[in-house]
């Protein structure tokens, strides 16, 4: 598994960004998404994905530089060639125009919906949320079932103001 991860990362770094993005340091953009990636107390990026990428870079003689940015800006930095890679983007048709995705992923995540205790909200399927409002993150890609479900109101105010999210 680890060997496949490093081969996948090598391919990504080799083809992901423009050649000049690697001249001194490889700029990798990420977003504030604990525990995967986030700014540490010293301002330096930290988290599980950051640790995996740092180890890969160390083993391959690459000096990484991480920047934690709001998700839409992180994507734009890679799309415009100002960064060589982006940590953990979900695959979409639009993104395949400027990103190359690995055949295997180094993490898998599940999307869950949570509600405040004592509010009596119970949801075992999307239809249980029909007519309710759900906070979502701007520019984030959710599972297709969620994205295409029309019975749910989406509020992007949290994600828009905090710039959080990934995917």
C-alpha atoms as a PDB file:
ATOM      1  CA  UNK A   1       0.000   0.000   0.000  1.00  0.00           C
ATOM      2  CA  UNK A   2       2.730   2.486   0.985  1.00  0.00           C
ATOM      3  CA  UNK A   3       4.762   1.613  -2.137  1.00  0.00           C
ATOM      4  CA  UNK A   4       1.713   2.291  -4.333  1.00  0.00           C
ATOM      5  CA  UNK A   5       1.167   5.585  -2.508  1.00  0.00           C
ATOM      6  CA  UNK A   6       4.693   6.774  -3.238  1.00  0.00           C
ATOM      7  CA  UNK A   7       4.506   5.692  -6.891  1.00  0.00           C
ATOM      8  CA  UNK A   8       1.216   7.572  -7.206  1.00  0.00           C
ATOM      9  CA  UNK A   9       2.664  10.693  -5.588  1.00  0.00           C
ATOM     10  CA  UNK A  10       5.731  10.515  -7.845  1.00  0.00           C
ATOM     11  CA  UNK A  11       3.526  10.450 -10.918  1.00  0.00           C
ATOM     12  CA  UNK A  12       1.402  13.305  -9.621  1.00  0.00           C
ATOM     13  CA  UNK A  13       4.342  15.533  -8.849  1.00  0.00           C
ATOM     14  CA  UNK A  14       5.998  14.705 -12.168  1.00  0.00           C
ATOM     15  CA  UNK A  15       3.017  15.764 -14.261  1.00  0.00           C
ATOM     16  CA  UNK A  16       0.782  17.936 -12.117  1.00  0.00           C
ATOM     17  CA  UNK A  17       2.163  21.380 -12.602  1.00  0.00           C
ATOM     18  CA  UNK A  18       4.268  23.401 -14.972  1.00  0.00           C
ATOM     19  CA  UNK A  19       7.996  22.638 -15.031  1.00  0.00           C
ATOM     20  CA  UNK A  20       8.945  25.982 -13.478  1.00  0.00           C
ATOM     21  CA  UNK A  21       6.790  25.182 -10.422  1.00  0.00           C
ATOM     22  CA  UNK A  22       9.540  22.698  -9.386  1.00  0.00           C
ATOM     23  CA  UNK A  23      12.648  24.820 -10.000  1.00  0.00           C
ATOM     24  CA  UNK A  24      13.517  25.434  -6.340  1.00  0.00           C
ATOM     25  CA  UNK A  25      10.699  24.185  -4.171  1.00  0.00           C
ATOM     26  CA  UNK A  26       7.515  22.372  -5.053  1.00  0.00           C
ATOM     27  CA  UNK A  27       4.642  24.610  -3.991  1.00  0.00           C
ATOM     28  CA  UNK A  28       1.760  22.494  -2.731  1.00  0.00           C
ATOM     29  CA  UNK A  29      -1.455  24.252  -1.812  1.00  0.00           C
ATOM     30  CA  UNK A  30      -3.934  22.895   0.696  1.00  0.00           C
ATOM     31  CA  UNK A  31      -6.851  24.160   2.723  1.00  0.00           C
ATOM     32  CA  UNK A  32      -7.682  24.293   6.430  1.00  0.00           C
ATOM     33  CA  UNK A  33      -9.250  20.856   6.826  1.00  0.00           C
ATOM     34  CA  UNK A  34      -8.227  19.176  10.089  1.00  0.00           C
ATOM     35  CA  UNK A  35      -6.936  16.549  10.607  1.00  0.00           C
ATOM     36  CA  UNK A  36      -5.796  16.222   6.972  1.00  0.00           C
ATOM     37  CA  UNK A  37      -4.204  19.638   6.443  1.00  0.00           C
ATOM     38  CA  UNK A  38      -4.185  22.819   8.497  1.00  0.00           C
ATOM     39  CA  UNK A  39      -1.893  25.613   9.621  1.00  0.00           C
ATOM     40  CA  UNK A  40       0.154  24.697  12.689  1.00  0.00           C
ATOM     41  CA  UNK A  41       0.877  26.978  15.652  1.00  0.00           C
ATOM     42  CA  UNK A  42       3.968  28.303  13.869  1.00  0.00           C
ATOM     43  CA  UNK A  43       2.004  28.937  10.662  1.00  0.00           C
ATOM     44  CA  UNK A  44       3.632  25.965   8.925  1.00  0.00           C
ATOM     45  CA  UNK A  45       1.228  23.438   7.367  1.00  0.00           C
ATOM     46  CA  UNK A  46       0.604  20.259   9.315  1.00  0.00           C
ATOM     47  CA  UNK A  47      -1.755  17.283   9.233  1.00  0.00           C
ATOM     48  CA  UNK A  48      -1.975  13.684   7.979  1.00  0.00           C
ATOM     49  CA  UNK A  49      -1.865  14.518   4.260  1.00  0.00           C
ATOM     50  CA  UNK A  50       0.941  17.021   4.797  1.00  0.00           C
ATOM     51  CA  UNK A  51       2.976  14.392   6.690  1.00  0.00           C
ATOM     52  CA  UNK A  52       2.525  11.820   3.897  1.00  0.00           C
ATOM     53  CA  UNK A  53       3.482  14.317   1.194  1.00  0.00           C
ATOM     54  CA  UNK A  54       6.499  15.574   3.186  1.00  0.00           C
ATOM     55  CA  UNK A  55       7.782  12.009   3.608  1.00  0.00           C
ATOM     56  CA  UNK A  56       7.351  11.315  -0.091  1.00  0.00           C
ATOM     57  CA  UNK A  57       9.225  14.500  -0.977  1.00  0.00           C
ATOM     58  CA  UNK A  58      12.017  13.693   1.488  1.00  0.00           C
ATOM     59  CA  UNK A  59      12.512  10.246  -0.045  1.00  0.00           C
ATOM     60  CA  UNK A  60      12.603  11.729  -3.543  1.00  0.00           C
ATOM     61  CA  UNK A  61      14.832  14.746  -3.000  1.00  0.00           C
ATOM     62  CA  UNK A  62      12.029  17.283  -3.437  1.00  0.00           C
ATOM     63  CA  UNK A  63      11.765  20.323  -1.186  1.00  0.00           C
ATOM     64  CA  UNK A  64       8.058  20.991  -0.584  1.00  0.00           C
ATOM     65  CA  UNK A  65       6.575  24.315   0.364  1.00  0.00           C
ATOM     66  CA  UNK A  66       2.993  24.275   1.630  1.00  0.00           C
ATOM     67  CA  UNK A  67       0.505  27.107   1.624  1.00  0.00           C
ATOM     68  CA  UNK A  68      -2.835  26.786   3.375  1.00  0.00           C
ATOM     69  CA  UNK A  69      -5.398  28.803   1.395  1.00  0.00           C
ATOM     70  CA  UNK A  70      -9.172  29.044   1.062  1.00  0.00           C
ATOM     71  CA  UNK A  71     -10.251  26.124  -1.144  1.00  0.00           C
ATOM     72  CA  UNK A  72     -11.360  28.102  -4.246  1.00  0.00           C
ATOM     73  CA  UNK A  73      -8.068  30.008  -4.229  1.00  0.00           C
ATOM     74  CA  UNK A  74      -6.020  26.815  -3.787  1.00  0.00           C
ATOM     75  CA  UNK A  75      -7.629  25.348  -6.901  1.00  0.00           C
ATOM     76  CA  UNK A  76      -7.061  28.570  -8.828  1.00  0.00           C
ATOM     77  CA  UNK A  77      -3.361  28.616  -7.853  1.00  0.00           C
ATOM     78  CA  UNK A  78      -2.856  25.190  -9.448  1.00  0.00           C
ATOM     79  CA  UNK A  79      -5.081  25.921 -12.442  1.00  0.00           C
ATOM     80  CA  UNK A  80      -3.084  29.083 -13.223  1.00  0.00           C
ATOM     81  CA  UNK A  81       0.286  27.366 -12.738  1.00  0.00           C
ATOM     82  CA  UNK A  82       1.338  29.271  -9.619  1.00  0.00           C
ATOM     83  CA  UNK A  83       1.410  26.021  -7.580  1.00  0.00           C
ATOM     84  CA  UNK A  84       2.638  22.593  -8.627  1.00  0.00           C
ATOM     85  CA  UNK A  85       0.111  20.486  -6.723  1.00  0.00           C
ATOM     86  CA  UNK A  86      -2.994  20.636  -4.561  1.00  0.00           C
ATOM     87  CA  UNK A  87      -3.701  18.310  -1.655  1.00  0.00           C
ATOM     88  CA  UNK A  88      -6.797  16.092  -1.798  1.00  0.00           C
ATOM     89  CA  UNK A  89      -9.121  17.453  -4.467  1.00  0.00           C
ATOM     90  CA  UNK A  90     -12.168  15.372  -5.272  1.00  0.00           C
ATOM     91  CA  UNK A  91     -12.369  14.366  -8.896  1.00  0.00           C
ATOM     92  CA  UNK A  92     -14.766  16.242 -11.161  1.00  0.00           C
ATOM     93  CA  UNK A  93     -15.011  16.495 -14.928  1.00  0.00           C
ATOM     94  CA  UNK A  94     -14.110  20.192 -14.767  1.00  0.00           C
ATOM     95  CA  UNK A  95     -11.014  19.551 -12.656  1.00  0.00           C
ATOM     96  CA  UNK A  96      -9.726  16.831 -15.000  1.00  0.00           C
ATOM     97  CA  UNK A  97      -9.099  19.658 -17.474  1.00  0.00           C
ATOM     98  CA  UNK A  98      -6.197  20.923 -15.342  1.00  0.00           C
ATOM     99  CA  UNK A  99      -5.431  18.178 -12.778  1.00  0.00           C
ATOM    100  CA  UNK A 100      -4.172  14.630 -13.193  1.00  0.00           C
ATOM    101  CA  UNK A 101      -5.615  12.199 -10.661  1.00  0.00           C
ATOM    102  CA  UNK A 102      -3.996   9.010  -9.339  1.00  0.00           C
ATOM    103  CA  UNK A 103      -5.526   5.618  -9.981  1.00  0.00           C
ATOM    104  CA  UNK A 104      -5.388   5.017  -6.209  1.00  0.00           C
ATOM    105  CA  UNK A 105      -6.058   7.476  -3.407  1.00  0.00           C
ATOM    106  CA  UNK A 106      -4.084   7.698  -0.187  1.00  0.00           C
ATOM    107  CA  UNK A 107      -7.134   8.459   1.928  1.00  0.00           C
ATOM    108  CA  UNK A 108     -10.839   7.837   1.642  1.00  0.00           C
ATOM    109  CA  UNK A 109     -13.416   9.934   3.404  1.00  0.00           C
ATOM    110  CA  UNK A 110     -17.083   9.693   4.160  1.00  0.00           C
ATOM    111  CA  UNK A 111     -19.421  12.637   4.078  1.00  0.00           C
ATOM    112  CA  UNK A 112     -21.767  12.777   7.052  1.00  0.00           C
ATOM    113  CA  UNK A 113     -24.502  15.164   8.082  1.00  0.00           C
ATOM    114  CA  UNK A 114     -24.653  16.190  11.723  1.00  0.00           C
ATOM    115  CA  UNK A 115     -27.199  18.209  13.656  1.00  0.00           C
ATOM    116  CA  UNK A 116     -27.281  19.902  17.033  1.00  0.00           C
ATOM    117  CA  UNK A 117     -28.199  17.746  20.010  1.00  0.00           C
ATOM    118  CA  UNK A 118     -31.681  18.293  21.327  1.00  0.00           C
ATOM    119  CA  UNK A 119     -33.103  19.545  18.025  1.00  0.00           C
ATOM    120  CA  UNK A 120     -34.790  16.231  17.220  1.00  0.00           C
ATOM    121  CA  UNK A 121     -33.213  15.941  13.792  1.00  0.00           C
ATOM    122  CA  UNK A 122     -32.742  12.362  12.710  1.00  0.00           C
ATOM    123  CA  UNK A 123     -31.595  11.482   9.229  1.00  0.00           C
ATOM    124  CA  UNK A 124     -30.857   8.065   7.834  1.00  0.00           C
ATOM    125  CA  UNK A 125     -31.427   9.103   4.212  1.00  0.00           C
ATOM    126  CA  UNK A 126     -31.493  12.382   2.283  1.00  0.00           C
ATOM    127  CA  UNK A 127     -35.306  12.458   2.102  1.00  0.00           C
ATOM    128  CA  UNK A 128     -35.340  12.798   5.916  1.00  0.00           C
ATOM    129  CA  UNK A 129     -33.817  16.265   5.400  1.00  0.00           C
ATOM    130  CA  UNK A 130     -36.331  17.429   2.804  1.00  0.00           C
ATOM    131  CA  UNK A 131     -37.118  21.131   3.260  1.00  0.00           C
ATOM    132  CA  UNK A 132     -34.317  21.668   5.787  1.00  0.00           C
ATOM    133  CA  UNK A 133     -31.272  23.897   5.397  1.00  0.00           C
ATOM    134  CA  UNK A 134     -27.807  22.389   5.376  1.00  0.00           C
ATOM    135  CA  UNK A 135     -24.560  24.343   5.655  1.00  0.00           C
ATOM    136  CA  UNK A 136     -22.170  23.599   2.803  1.00  0.00           C
ATOM    137  CA  UNK A 137     -18.738  24.851   1.790  1.00  0.00           C
ATOM    138  CA  UNK A 138     -18.388  26.982  -1.334  1.00  0.00           C
ATOM    139  CA  UNK A 139     -16.589  25.185  -4.200  1.00  0.00           C
ATOM    140  CA  UNK A 140     -16.610  21.869  -2.317  1.00  0.00           C
ATOM    141  CA  UNK A 141     -17.644  18.739  -4.196  1.00  0.00           C
ATOM    142  CA  UNK A 142     -19.993  16.486  -2.270  1.00  0.00           C
ATOM    143  CA  UNK A 143     -21.078  12.973  -3.273  1.00  0.00           C
ATOM    144  CA  UNK A 144     -23.289  13.005  -6.405  1.00  0.00           C
ATOM    145  CA  UNK A 145     -26.378  11.910  -4.465  1.00  0.00           C
ATOM    146  CA  UNK A 146     -26.084  14.962  -2.217  1.00  0.00           C
ATOM    147  CA  UNK A 147     -25.170  17.416  -4.983  1.00  0.00           C
ATOM    148  CA  UNK A 148     -28.129  16.370  -7.124  1.00  0.00           C
ATOM    149  CA  UNK A 149     -30.701  16.190  -4.304  1.00  0.00           C
ATOM    150  CA  UNK A 150     -33.190  19.026  -4.854  1.00  0.00           C
ATOM    151  CA  UNK A 151     -35.165  18.696  -1.601  1.00  0.00           C
ATOM    152  CA  UNK A 152     -32.487  20.359   0.520  1.00  0.00           C
ATOM    153  CA  UNK A 153     -31.730  24.065   0.930  1.00  0.00           C
ATOM    154  CA  UNK A 154     -28.010  24.832   0.957  1.00  0.00           C
ATOM    155  CA  UNK A 155     -26.470  27.647   2.983  1.00  0.00           C
ATOM    156  CA  UNK A 156     -22.935  28.566   1.881  1.00  0.00           C
ATOM    157  CA  UNK A 157     -22.461  31.401   4.377  1.00  0.00           C
ATOM    158  CA  UNK A 158     -20.099  29.443   6.649  1.00  0.00           C
ATOM    159  CA  UNK A 159     -17.880  28.136   3.856  1.00  0.00           C
ATOM    160  CA  UNK A 160     -17.881  31.448   2.016  1.00  0.00           C
ATOM    161  CA  UNK A 161     -16.823  33.443   5.055  1.00  0.00           C
ATOM    162  CA  UNK A 162     -14.235  30.968   6.315  1.00  0.00           C
ATOM    163  CA  UNK A 163     -12.991  29.678   2.991  1.00  0.00           C
ATOM    164  CA  UNK A 164     -12.844  26.205   4.467  1.00  0.00           C
ATOM    165  CA  UNK A 165     -13.264  22.901   2.828  1.00  0.00           C
ATOM    166  CA  UNK A 166     -11.691  20.768   0.196  1.00  0.00           C
ATOM    167  CA  UNK A 167     -12.717  18.309  -2.270  1.00  0.00           C
END
